[in-house]
Amino acid sequence: MKTAWKDDGSNPTGFLQKLSGFPPFLPDDARIVLSELRTAVQDKVEANEEDWIVSKFQAISEKGRRKRLLTRLQELLFR
């Protein structure tokens, strides 16, 4: 299972922030590539967050706590 990213320079969230905006000199075809790269990095960030949440959920041993947490998460889903 994947683990949460460490803050050692390989942080994709920080990398994603660096990819925001287009430099004024960037040609149109490179803007397309940069936009696709942003999407790919965002997908990786979200997949990593999902894995982290699942691993933390699995670390909760008490079944009642897990049920309460699941209820809270479902409430967030429907807000």
Foldseek 3Di string as FASTA:
>chain_A
DDAADDPPPPHLVVVLVVLPDDDPVDDPVVVVVSVVVSVVSVVVNVVNVVVHVVVVLVVDPDPVVSVVVVVVVVVVVVD
